[in-house]
Amino acid sequence: MAAPDKQSALDYINQMFPTEASLSGVEPLMQKIHSEIRRVDAEILAAVRQQSNSGSKAREDLAAATRAVQELLYKMQEIKTKAEQSETMVQEICRDIKKLDFAKKHITTTITALHRLTMLVSAVEQLQAMASKRQYKEAAAQLEAVNQLCSHFEAYRDFQKITELREKFKSIKQILKSHVFSDFSSLGTGKETEETNLLQQLSDACLVVDALEPSVREELVKNFCSRELTSYQQIFEGAELAKLDKTERRYAWIKRRLRTNEEIWKIFPSSWHVPYLLCIQFCKLTRTQLVDILNNLKEKPDVGTLLLALQRTLEFEEELAEKFGGGSRSKESGSDNGEDTTESSSQTISDIRKKYEKRLAAHHGSENEDQDGHKDLSVPDAGFNFRGIISSCFEPYLAVYVELEEKTLMEHLEKLVQEETWEIEEGSQTNILSSSMQVFLIIRRTLKRCSALTKNQTLFNLFKVFQRILKAYATKLFARLPKGGTGLVAAATGMDGQIKTSDKDERLICYIVNTAEYCHKTSGELAENVSKIVDPQYADSIDMSEVQDEFSAVITKALITLVHGIETKFDSEMAAMTRVPWGTLESVGDQSEYVNGINTILTSSIPVLGRLLSPIYFQFFLDKLASSLGPRFYLNIFKCKQISETGAQQMLLDTQAVKTILLEIPSLGKQAASAAAGYSKFVSREMSKAEALLKVILSPIDSVADTYCALLPEGTPSEFQRILDLKGLKRTDQQSILDDYNKRGAGTYQQSIKAAVPSAPNTTVAPNQSTPAGIIPLKEEIVARAAALGRGAATTGIRRILALTESTTKDRKDGPLRKLFIG
């Protein structure tokens, strides 16, 4: 450590005196260092002196503190000793006082118990005297007092005296019970009118019953109700009144009984609910007797008698529900009692389910009736539901009612169909046959009647009747559609299976379509509303899909019949087309007469159909008409005899006119242009085939095969030969052309068609694409050859045909409803 300190001292000196000239400052520096040393020595000396003085004082303070602590400990020990001595002295003083307190407490308890025992003995003796004298009012109060006194001796049950008193009290209560039951047995026998104080005595007896156990009250009320109903049971089990048509008299009996005894029965406290419990027992007894009557019937019950009994039963149940706070029926069943049961119902499925679960809980069956009755008696405020307690027993026997309703509905249906005019009044907005609305009106009334009686199996069975009625009505509508000709005469004239329709028939078909559509919609609404009011266990089985399918089939058949009827009208025009001398025409003129005939047929029928049919069904009709008339016109060309060049040009002009007429059909029927786009495209495609066929006939002999393959790629050899016949070629001249056509082969033609004539959507032909040599020429070549004929109309027709041929041939996209009808 010395070497580094020495080195640092040298460094410090060199720093302070770096040069020789700076050595002159050594003396002042030494003086300054000596002064600093002296100052530090003085401070050290002062600190040592101060430390010596404080140490002696601290030792003195420590010794004084030690002495104080020792004195404090001594005083604390002295205080503790004195406290223990004081506690011992207090315990000795209070020992005798505690003994006196315990003695006082025991004496007080003993005196109180003896006093209560005296009171109990006295009260029991007084109660015994009151019981023997039938002083019920006083006995009721005394019973309460004895019960309270007995509660104080629960801890002394094992004492003999207490046991004797309790047994004596029990026997007195039994005596009171027997006296009360004996006195109540005279109620209803007429003694209450002879003995004026009997009712007051019985009223006081009720106080005694309330003071006894609850089971005594239940037994008394049950015995009273059973005794009241004994006469009812005897009366209505007799041969004279044990009949279904006497059901109303049963309810009159209990109403009269309640009314005449109202004043007498006021002796019962209102909390006993005696009339309420009496009505419950009456309902259960009545239900049992009615079931026996229905089971013992030797033949089917009379429907009128059965329904009258059920109606009176429902009315009685409703009166009981309102009388005893069961709520109004309208609140429970929503709009069931409204003017139209099927139109509205504020009730949800969960509400209905809760309602019937409560009813099921109220009476589980005849085997549990006694147990349920005991429960009802014990809990009179349990909310017993009177609705259905009697009326539900009629349910298994209402099949005759359903049969009668079905018979009545069928008769009404037959009458409505017979009286139907099959015409619509002028100015009507619906265009629906009146019989359909009447059918649903009758069904709604029938549903309202049935739902007022029951909403269980019978209502479900009646719904099945509605299904059969509506299917029968659909059959009636189907039968009214015009039929095709049948028999020998029709077969001989070639009219077998053809349907002829007049303007009246066409209107009738439209009415049937609209009516079937209305029935389709309304039957679905009917099923929906029935499912809301029927018992929840049947709601999932409520379905009108089969009925709706029937009406859908009627709509489809009617529209197809309408198309066939229009087609039949075209027969004469198609025949007139074949009678035109196409082979000898000298010039091309205006459109032919048969085209005017087609136009007349369509312009007279289409506006009426468009006005009567809904847009969707009118569109379906147009699609069916186009799919029929286009191919038919095409095939009708083959039925003509020889067609000259001029004749082909005239027929091409007629074809374009027919195409224009068909394209104008949607506007005649007030159809929207957007809705008719698919129809227009389909018409253009089908009529383009006829134009292509005529263009083939117009083509020169040397290129007819090429033109036929280009414009009609799906053609057949027999069809091609028929085209040659139409051109007027003899069989010998046709042979070389047919051989050339057959040599080409279907595969070669198909490849060339794909290259030159597109037949699928989004398929295009490159402008500069070349055609393989020896296959078929391009369309420009065909146009050039046709132009050589010197007929401007022909050239124009060819260009138009080729343009249409190269147009997109995408299949029409039919909507789901149209697919349903087409399928």
Foldseek 3Di string as FASTA:
>chain_A
DVVVVVVVVVVVVCVQDVDPVSCVCPVVVVVVVVVVVVVVVVVVVVVVVVVVVVVVVVVVVVVVVVVVVVVVVVVVVVVVVVVVVVVVVVCVVCVVVVVVVVVVVVVVVVVVLVVLVVVLVVLLVVLLVCLVVLVLLVNLVSLVVNVVSLVVCPVVCVDPVNVVSVVSSVVSLVSLLVVLLVLCVCPPVPVCVVDVCSLVSNLSSLSSQVSDDPVSLLVSLVVNLVVVCPVVCVVCVDPVNLALLNLLVLLVVLVVVCVVCVVSVPSHDVVQVSNLLSVLVSLLVLLVSVLVNCVPDPDADDLVSLVVSLVSLQVSLQVSCVVVVVDHPCVLFPCLVPPFLLPDGPDDLVSLVVVVVLQCVQDVDPVCSVVSSSVCSSPVPPNRRSRCSRSVSCVVRCPVVLVVLLVVLVVLLVVLLVPWPLDDDPPDPQLATPSLVVSVVSLRVVLSSVLSRAQEPSSVSSLVSNLVSLLVVLVSLLVPQFFWDDDDVCVVVVRGRAGADDLSNLSSLLNLLSHLVVCLVVLVSSLVSSLRRHRVVCSVVRDNVVSSVSSLVSNLVSLVSSLSNLVVQLPVLLVVVQVPPQVPDDAADAADPSLVSNLVSLLVRLQSSLVRHDQVSSLLSLQVNLVPVLVVSLVSVLSHAAHELRSLLNVLNNLVSSLVSSLCSCVSSVHDPVSCVLSNLSNLLSSLLSLLLSLLLLFDPVQSLLSCLQLPVVDDLVVSVSSVRNNVDDPVVCPVVSVLNVVLDSVLSVVQNLAAFDAAPPRDHDPPDDDDPPRHHHLVVRLVRSVVVVDPSSSVSSVVSRVSRNDHNYRRDDDPSSVVSVD
